[in-house]
Amino acid sequence: MPNRKLVNRFIKFLRTSHGVARNSMRRYSNKFSRHDFTQHQLMSLSCLRKRLRMRYREFIELLELIPKVMGELGLSKLPHFTTLQKFLKRVGTAMLDRLLCQTIKLFDIQNPWIAGDGTGHACSHASLYYAKKLKKHKKRRRKHYTKNSIAVDADKQVIVAHRVRKGPKHDSKDAAPILRKTKRLKPKGVSLDKAYDAEYIHKVIREELKAESQIPIRKNKALTGEYRQMMLTELDKKKYHRRSIVETVISVEKRVLGDANYSRSDRMRNKEGKLRNICYNIYRSTVVFISEILKDFYKAEIS
């Protein structure tokens, strides 16, 4: 059997999170801070908490029983659970975007085929029974949700760009900003569903990204625009159906990292959504890393 230390996904996840944080953030946010914990340590703990799908207080209480985590991060003591809360509140959204870009470097991505879509994350802890009761009696509307729009590499199944904000919002509203963020990767093509059928989205892909667009036209919409008319003859179903990869990514992300956001303010919910995307990429890198180790191990055993 392989060494368990090599296949412990949580330790690998923690080490990768720490490495990503070291390459993206300063050691301390301010030279006058107490310096009890580095930003790298706090970000690593925040990612591990998200990976374990736990609340702040429960997570810190669990770490008291796992001294190995403290050893991995070089901690002499554990932070109070409110320290993690205040840390995430202090981290800016630009820094979270930088962390996502750093996780992309964990993979060898060159000229990817991009697939994009959006999903919602619940903002309430109400039970399904309670939700049905509200709907039945029409007492009040449920709270809004957090809209998470992502672009993924269809080959590596990695999130390469994202935009998180208060929903509900139409998918096409966030398409252009997200696609422009993928320009640095020089994508060769983009697959989107009918919700993104708009001439300006085609222009962003074709003229700014210099890539191929595969977006089916909507039948109930007037066929205007040069690129939309091209889709009548140039839509390749095989290339378009690579869009289903983004559905897989969304499904895995919700299954592994949870669906609901625990924060109460919209600002913190948006940050929590971005942190979820960062943690997904780190999780994906650990899965790839461990599968390669096991593959090499069993090849050696057979030979």
Foldseek 3Di string as FASTA:
>chain_A
DDDVVLQPLLLLLLLVQLVLCVVQDDQDPDPPDPPLHGLSLLRSLVLSCLLVQHQLQVSQVVVVVPCVSCVSRVHPDTDHSVVSVVSLVPDDPVSLLSSLQSLVVLDDAAQFEKAKDKDWFAADPDDPVVQVVCVVVVPDDDDWTKMKIFIARLVLLATQFIFIFTDDDQNLVCQLVRLLSCLVRLHAEYAYEQSNPDQVSCCSCCPVSVHYYAYAHDPVDDQDHDVNVVNVPPHDPVSNVSNCSNVVSVVVLCVRRNRHDHDDDRVSSRSVSSSSSSSSSSSSSSVVSSVVVVVVVVVVVVD
